[in-house]
Amino acid sequence: MSNKLFYPHFEENFVQISKHISLKLEDGRTKIYINNKLFRQCKALIVNIPLARLEKYDDLTSIDDLEQET
């Protein structure tokens, strides 16, 4: 017996969430597809903020806000 969980409605390494959204396990990572196109978004943003200007960024609440400020 395999140690994998069995879900009869899932194909191996593929799950159709809705008509437009699917998930695929590729290279050990779950990837999101929208209309069969890989959905890629920014997950991290690296910035170099001088300590003297740090307070300017106190009210930002998202990566998108930070990206627009820099």
PDB file of N, CA and C in Angstrom:
ATOM      1  N   MET A   1       0.841  -1.190   0.000  1.00  0.00           N
ATOM      2  CA  MET A   1       0.000   0.000   0.000  1.00  0.00           C
ATOM      3  C   MET A   1       0.881   1.246   0.000  1.00  0.00           C
ATOM      4  N   SER A   2       0.520   2.215  -0.788  1.00  0.00           N
ATOM      5  CA  SER A   2       1.264   3.468  -0.899  1.00  0.00           C
ATOM      6  C   SER A   2       1.019   4.342   0.326  1.00  0.00           C
ATOM      7  N   ASN A   3       2.013   5.173   0.652  1.00  0.00           N
ATOM      8  CA  ASN A   3       1.829   6.099   1.764  1.00  0.00           C
ATOM      9  C   ASN A   3       1.183   7.411   1.309  1.00  0.00           C
ATOM     10  N   LYS A   4       0.801   7.524   0.029  1.00  0.00           N
ATOM     11  CA  LYS A   4       0.117   8.711  -0.483  1.00  0.00           C
ATOM     12  C   LYS A   4      -1.359   8.660  -0.111  1.00  0.00           C
ATOM     13  N   LEU A   5      -1.932   9.831   0.125  1.00  0.00           N
ATOM     14  CA  LEU A   5      -3.374   9.904   0.325  1.00  0.00           C
ATOM     15  C   LEU A   5      -4.063   9.688  -1.012  1.00  0.00           C
ATOM     16  N   PHE A   6      -5.227   9.108  -0.969  1.00  0.00           N
ATOM     17  CA  PHE A   6      -5.954   8.845  -2.206  1.00  0.00           C
ATOM     18  C   PHE A   6      -7.209   9.701  -2.250  1.00  0.00           C
ATOM     19  N   TYR A   7      -7.309  10.528  -3.264  1.00  0.00           N
ATOM     20  CA  TYR A   7      -8.494  11.334  -3.512  1.00  0.00           C
ATOM     21  C   TYR A   7      -8.971  11.001  -4.922  1.00  0.00           C
ATOM     22  N   PRO A   8     -10.054  10.274  -5.067  1.00  0.00           N
ATOM     23  CA  PRO A   8     -10.462   9.799  -6.386  1.00  0.00           C
ATOM     24  C   PRO A   8     -10.789  10.910  -7.383  1.00  0.00           C
ATOM     25  N   HIS A   9     -11.144  12.105  -6.904  1.00  0.00           N
ATOM     26  CA  HIS A   9     -11.495  13.184  -7.826  1.00  0.00           C
ATOM     27  C   HIS A   9     -10.277  14.023  -8.231  1.00  0.00           C
ATOM     28  N   PHE A  10      -9.086  13.666  -7.759  1.00  0.00           N
ATOM     29  CA  PHE A  10      -7.858  14.379  -8.128  1.00  0.00           C
ATOM     30  C   PHE A  10      -7.023  13.495  -9.044  1.00  0.00           C
ATOM     31  N   GLU A  11      -6.554  14.064 -10.134  1.00  0.00           N
ATOM     32  CA  GLU A  11      -5.542  13.374 -10.918  1.00  0.00           C
ATOM     33  C   GLU A  11      -4.220  13.563 -10.188  1.00  0.00           C
ATOM     34  N   GLU A  12      -3.294  12.662 -10.377  1.00  0.00           N
ATOM     35  CA  GLU A  12      -2.008  12.806  -9.714  1.00  0.00           C
ATOM     36  C   GLU A  12      -1.338  14.104 -10.153  1.00  0.00           C
ATOM     37  N   ASN A  13      -0.931  14.910  -9.189  1.00  0.00           N
ATOM     38  CA  ASN A  13      -0.229  16.179  -9.407  1.00  0.00           C
ATOM     39  C   ASN A  13      -1.075  17.241 -10.104  1.00  0.00           C
ATOM     40  N   PHE A  14      -2.399  17.094 -10.129  1.00  0.00           N
ATOM     41  CA  PHE A  14      -3.266  18.069 -10.796  1.00  0.00           C
ATOM     42  C   PHE A  14      -4.616  18.128 -10.091  1.00  0.00           C
ATOM     43  N   VAL A  15      -5.100  19.345  -9.840  1.00  0.00           N
ATOM     44  CA  VAL A  15      -6.422  19.533  -9.245  1.00  0.00           C
ATOM     45  C   VAL A  15      -7.127  20.647 -10.006  1.00  0.00           C
ATOM     46  N   GLN A  16      -8.325  20.380 -10.499  1.00  0.00           N
ATOM     47  CA  GLN A  16      -9.134  21.415 -11.158  1.00  0.00           C
ATOM     48  C   GLN A  16     -10.021  22.026 -10.084  1.00  0.00           C
ATOM     49  N   ILE A  17      -9.762  23.280  -9.719  1.00  0.00           N
ATOM     50  CA  ILE A  17     -10.516  23.956  -8.667  1.00  0.00           C
ATOM     51  C   ILE A  17     -11.842  24.480  -9.215  1.00  0.00           C
ATOM     52  N   SER A  18     -11.797  25.090 -10.365  1.00  0.00           N
ATOM     53  CA  SER A  18     -12.998  25.610 -11.025  1.00  0.00           C
ATOM     54  C   SER A  18     -12.773  25.549 -12.534  1.00  0.00           C
ATOM     55  N   LYS A  19     -13.712  26.116 -13.272  1.00  0.00           N
ATOM     56  CA  LYS A  19     -13.587  26.131 -14.732  1.00  0.00           C
ATOM     57  C   LYS A  19     -12.312  26.852 -15.169  1.00  0.00           C
ATOM     58  N   HIS A  20     -11.875  27.829 -14.391  1.00  0.00           N
ATOM     59  CA  HIS A  20     -10.743  28.662 -14.777  1.00  0.00           C
ATOM     60  C   HIS A  20      -9.457  28.392 -13.992  1.00  0.00           C
ATOM     61  N   ILE A  21      -9.572  27.820 -12.804  1.00  0.00           N
ATOM     62  CA  ILE A  21      -8.419  27.691 -11.906  1.00  0.00           C
ATOM     63  C   ILE A  21      -8.046  26.228 -11.703  1.00  0.00           C
ATOM     64  N   SER A  22      -6.750  25.939 -11.846  1.00  0.00           N
ATOM     65  CA  SER A  22      -6.243  24.596 -11.557  1.00  0.00           C
ATOM     66  C   SER A  22      -4.923  24.714 -10.808  1.00  0.00           C
ATOM     67  N   LEU A  23      -4.596  23.662 -10.083  1.00  0.00           N
ATOM     68  CA  LEU A  23      -3.336  23.582  -9.351  1.00  0.00           C
ATOM     69  C   LEU A  23      -2.545  22.406  -9.889  1.00  0.00           C
ATOM     70  N   LYS A  24      -1.245  22.608 -10.034  1.00  0.00           N
ATOM     71  CA  LYS A  24      -0.379  21.523 -10.483  1.00  0.00           C
ATOM     72  C   LYS A  24       0.826  21.452  -9.559  1.00  0.00           C
ATOM     73  N   LEU A  25       1.210  20.237  -9.202  1.00  0.00           N
ATOM     74  CA  LEU A  25       2.425  20.026  -8.433  1.00  0.00           C
ATOM     75  C   LEU A  25       3.553  19.795  -9.423  1.00  0.00           C
ATOM     76  N   GLU A  26       4.486  20.755  -9.471  1.00  0.00           N
ATOM     77  CA  GLU A  26       5.613  20.682 -10.399  1.00  0.00           C
ATOM     78  C   GLU A  26       6.895  20.943  -9.630  1.00  0.00           C
ATOM     79  N   ASP A  27       7.841  20.060  -9.763  1.00  0.00           N
ATOM     80  CA  ASP A  27       9.129  20.198  -9.070  1.00  0.00           C
ATOM     81  C   ASP A  27       8.952  20.370  -7.569  1.00  0.00           C
ATOM     82  N   GLY A  28       7.962  19.675  -7.007  1.00  0.00           N
ATOM     83  CA  GLY A  28       7.737  19.717  -5.568  1.00  0.00           C
ATOM     84  C   GLY A  28       7.039  20.975  -5.073  1.00  0.00           C
ATOM     85  N   ARG A  29       6.551  21.830  -5.969  1.00  0.00           N
ATOM     86  CA  ARG A  29       5.878  23.074  -5.594  1.00  0.00           C
ATOM     87  C   ARG A  29       4.507  23.125  -6.253  1.00  0.00           C
ATOM     88  N   THR A  30       3.538  23.651  -5.515  1.00  0.00           N
ATOM     89  CA  THR A  30       2.205  23.821  -6.070  1.00  0.00           C
ATOM     90  C   THR A  30       2.168  25.109  -6.876  1.00  0.00           C
ATOM     91  N   LYS A  31       1.737  25.004  -8.134  1.00  0.00           N
ATOM     92  CA  LYS A  31       1.663  26.172  -9.010  1.00  0.00           C
ATOM     93  C   LYS A  31       0.213  26.402  -9.411  1.00  0.00           C
ATOM     94  N   ILE A  32      -0.170  27.664  -9.482  1.00  0.00           N
ATOM     95  CA  ILE A  32      -1.536  28.058  -9.811  1.00  0.00           C
ATOM     96  C   ILE A  32      -1.619  28.374 -11.301  1.00  0.00           C
ATOM     97  N   TYR A  33      -2.644  27.835 -11.946  1.00  0.00           N
ATOM     98  CA  TYR A  33      -2.889  28.109 -13.360  1.00  0.00           C
ATOM     99  C   TYR A  33      -4.270  28.744 -13.508  1.00  0.00           C
ATOM    100  N   ILE A  34      -4.336  29.821 -14.276  1.00  0.00           N
ATOM    101  CA  ILE A  34      -5.591  30.484 -14.609  1.00  0.00           C
ATOM    102  C   ILE A  34      -5.780  30.321 -16.115  1.00  0.00           C
ATOM    103  N   ASN A  35      -6.866  29.677 -16.505  1.00  0.00           N
ATOM    104  CA  ASN A  35      -7.115  29.386 -17.927  1.00  0.00           C
ATOM    105  C   ASN A  35      -5.891  28.744 -18.587  1.00  0.00           C
ATOM    106  N   ASN A  36      -5.315  27.786 -17.888  1.00  0.00           N
ATOM    107  CA  ASN A  36      -4.162  27.002 -18.356  1.00  0.00           C
ATOM    108  C   ASN A  36      -2.883  27.810 -18.537  1.00  0.00           C
ATOM    109  N   LYS A  37      -2.832  29.021 -17.983  1.00  0.00           N
ATOM    110  CA  LYS A  37      -1.607  29.823 -18.016  1.00  0.00           C
ATOM    111  C   LYS A  37      -1.088  29.965 -16.592  1.00  0.00           C
ATOM    112  N   LEU A  38       0.208  29.758 -16.414  1.00  0.00           N
ATOM    113  CA  LEU A  38       0.816  29.867 -15.094  1.00  0.00           C
ATOM    114  C   LEU A  38       0.598  31.263 -14.536  1.00  0.00           C
ATOM    115  N   PHE A  39       0.058  31.331 -13.324  1.00  0.00           N
ATOM    116  CA  PHE A  39      -0.174  32.601 -12.643  1.00  0.00           C
ATOM    117  C   PHE A  39       1.049  32.906 -11.802  1.00  0.00           C
ATOM    118  N   ARG A  40       1.706  33.993 -12.142  1.00  0.00           N
ATOM    119  CA  ARG A  40       2.914  34.386 -11.412  1.00  0.00           C
ATOM    120  C   ARG A  40       2.665  35.745 -10.784  1.00  0.00           C
ATOM    121  N   GLN A  41       3.039  35.855  -9.530  1.00  0.00           N
ATOM    122  CA  GLN A  41       2.899  37.135  -8.850  1.00  0.00           C
ATOM    123  C   GLN A  41       4.099  37.354  -7.959  1.00  0.00           C
ATOM    124  N   CYS A  42       4.293  38.578  -7.586  1.00  0.00           N
ATOM    125  CA  CYS A  42       5.400  38.932  -6.703  1.00  0.00           C
ATOM    126  C   CYS A  42       5.122  38.383  -5.308  1.00  0.00           C
ATOM    127  N   LYS A  43       6.036  37.608  -4.779  1.00  0.00           N
ATOM    128  CA  LYS A  43       5.889  37.056  -3.441  1.00  0.00           C
ATOM    129  C   LYS A  43       6.838  37.723  -2.463  1.00  0.00           C
ATOM    130  N   ALA A  44       7.813  38.430  -2.980  1.00  0.00           N
ATOM    131  CA  ALA A  44       8.793  39.097  -2.124  1.00  0.00           C
ATOM    132  C   ALA A  44       9.340  40.311  -2.859  1.00  0.00           C
ATOM    133  N   LEU A  45       9.764  41.287  -2.096  1.00  0.00           N
ATOM    134  CA  LEU A  45      10.352  42.488  -2.659  1.00  0.00           C
ATOM    135  C   LEU A  45      11.519  42.872  -1.765  1.00  0.00           C
ATOM    136  N   ILE A  46      12.676  43.009  -2.334  1.00  0.00           N
ATOM    137  CA  ILE A  46      13.865  43.383  -1.570  1.00  0.00           C
ATOM    138  C   ILE A  46      14.158  44.845  -1.850  1.00  0.00           C
ATOM    139  N   VAL A  47      14.234  45.632  -0.788  1.00  0.00           N
ATOM    140  CA  VAL A  47      14.528  47.059  -0.932  1.00  0.00           C
ATOM    141  C   VAL A  47      15.619  47.450   0.056  1.00  0.00           C
ATOM    142  N   ASN A  48      16.319  48.488  -0.295  1.00  0.00           N
ATOM    143  CA  ASN A  48      17.361  49.029   0.571  1.00  0.00           C
ATOM    144  C   ASN A  48      16.881  50.396   1.044  1.00  0.00           C
ATOM    145  N   ILE A  49      16.402  50.473   2.290  1.00  0.00           N
ATOM    146  CA  ILE A  49      15.861  51.714   2.840  1.00  0.00           C
ATOM    147  C   ILE A  49      16.837  52.254   3.881  1.00  0.00           C
ATOM    148  N   PRO A  50      17.350  53.455   3.678  1.00  0.00           N
ATOM    149  CA  PRO A  50      18.227  54.061   4.687  1.00  0.00           C
ATOM    150  C   PRO A  50      17.459  54.274   5.994  1.00  0.00           C
ATOM    151  N   LEU A  51      18.118  54.084   7.124  1.00  0.00           N
ATOM    152  CA  LEU A  51      17.463  54.234   8.425  1.00  0.00           C
ATOM    153  C   LEU A  51      16.820  55.603   8.579  1.00  0.00           C
ATOM    154  N   ALA A  52      17.422  56.631   8.035  1.00  0.00           N
ATOM    155  CA  ALA A  52      16.884  57.988   8.162  1.00  0.00           C
ATOM    156  C   ALA A  52      15.520  58.129   7.478  1.00  0.00           C
ATOM    157  N   ARG A  53      15.210  57.274   6.507  1.00  0.00           N
ATOM    158  CA  ARG A  53      13.935  57.354   5.776  1.00  0.00           C
ATOM    159  C   ARG A  53      12.959  56.244   6.160  1.00  0.00           C
ATOM    160  N   LEU A  54      13.284  55.459   7.158  1.00  0.00           N
ATOM    161  CA  LEU A  54      12.481  54.292   7.520  1.00  0.00           C
ATOM    162  C   LEU A  54      11.053  54.658   7.931  1.00  0.00           C
ATOM    163  N   GLU A  55      10.867  55.759   8.659  1.00  0.00           N
ATOM    164  CA  GLU A  55       9.525  56.143   9.123  1.00  0.00           C
ATOM    165  C   GLU A  55       8.568  56.428   7.968  1.00  0.00           C
ATOM    166  N   LYS A  56       9.078  56.825   6.833  1.00  0.00           N
ATOM    167  CA  LYS A  56       8.247  57.099   5.655  1.00  0.00           C
ATOM    168  C   LYS A  56       7.433  55.868   5.253  1.00  0.00           C
ATOM    169  N   TYR A  57       7.920  54.696   5.580  1.00  0.00           N
ATOM    170  CA  TYR A  57       7.302  53.443   5.152  1.00  0.00           C
ATOM    171  C   TYR A  57       6.438  52.786   6.233  1.00  0.00           C
ATOM    172  N   ASP A  58       6.245  53.450   7.380  1.00  0.00           N
ATOM    173  CA  ASP A  58       5.498  52.862   8.494  1.00  0.00           C
ATOM    174  C   ASP A  58       4.051  52.508   8.156  1.00  0.00           C
ATOM    175  N   ASP A  59       3.394  53.294   7.337  1.00  0.00           N
ATOM    176  CA  ASP A  59       1.966  53.090   7.075  1.00  0.00           C
ATOM    177  C   ASP A  59       1.669  52.171   5.890  1.00  0.00           C
ATOM    178  N   LEU A  60       2.679  51.673   5.238  1.00  0.00           N
ATOM    179  CA  LEU A  60       2.456  50.782   4.099  1.00  0.00           C
ATOM    180  C   LEU A  60       1.936  49.436   4.586  1.00  0.00           C
ATOM    181  N   THR A  61       1.004  48.866   3.841  1.00  0.00           N
ATOM    182  CA  THR A  61       0.389  47.608   4.273  1.00  0.00           C
ATOM    183  C   THR A  61       0.552  46.462   3.283  1.00  0.00           C
ATOM    184  N   SER A  62       1.197  46.735   2.137  1.00  0.00           N
ATOM    185  CA  SER A  62       1.339  45.657   1.159  1.00  0.00           C
ATOM    186  C   SER A  62       2.619  45.824   0.348  1.00  0.00           C
ATOM    187  N   ILE A  63       3.006  44.746  -0.308  1.00  0.00           N
ATOM    188  CA  ILE A  63       4.161  44.795  -1.208  1.00  0.00           C
ATOM    189  C   ILE A  63       3.886  45.779  -2.341  1.00  0.00           C
ATOM    190  N   ASP A  64       2.639  45.832  -2.797  1.00  0.00           N
ATOM    191  CA  ASP A  64       2.289  46.758  -3.879  1.00  0.00           C
ATOM    192  C   ASP A  64       2.525  48.206  -3.464  1.00  0.00           C
ATOM    193  N   ASP A  65       2.119  48.555  -2.231  1.00  0.00           N
ATOM    194  CA  ASP A  65       2.351  49.916  -1.731  1.00  0.00           C
ATOM    195  C   ASP A  65       3.839  50.223  -1.666  1.00  0.00           C
ATOM    196  N   LEU A  66       4.613  49.281  -1.175  1.00  0.00           N
ATOM    197  CA  LEU A  66       6.056  49.482  -1.057  1.00  0.00           C
ATOM    198  C   LEU A  66       6.696  49.647  -2.431  1.00  0.00           C
ATOM    199  N   GLU A  67       6.259  48.851  -3.378  1.00  0.00           N
ATOM    200  CA  GLU A  67       6.816  48.933  -4.731  1.00  0.00           C
ATOM    201  C   GLU A  67       6.537  50.301  -5.353  1.00  0.00           C
ATOM    202  N   GLN A  68       5.369  50.870  -5.081  1.00  0.00           N
ATOM    203  CA  GLN A  68       5.019  52.181  -5.629  1.00  0.00           C
ATOM    204  C   GLN A  68       5.804  53.304  -4.962  1.00  0.00           C
ATOM    205  N   GLU A  69       6.158  53.136  -3.688  1.00  0.00           N
ATOM    206  CA  GLU A  69       6.899  54.159  -2.947  1.00  0.00           C
ATOM    207  C   GLU A  69       8.358  54.234  -3.351  1.00  0.00           C
ATOM    208  N   THR A  70       8.931  53.119  -3.759  1.00  0.00           N
ATOM    209  CA  THR A  70      10.373  53.106  -4.039  1.00  0.00           C
ATOM    210  C   THR A  70      10.671  53.441  -5.473  1.00  0.00           C
TER     211      THR A  70
END
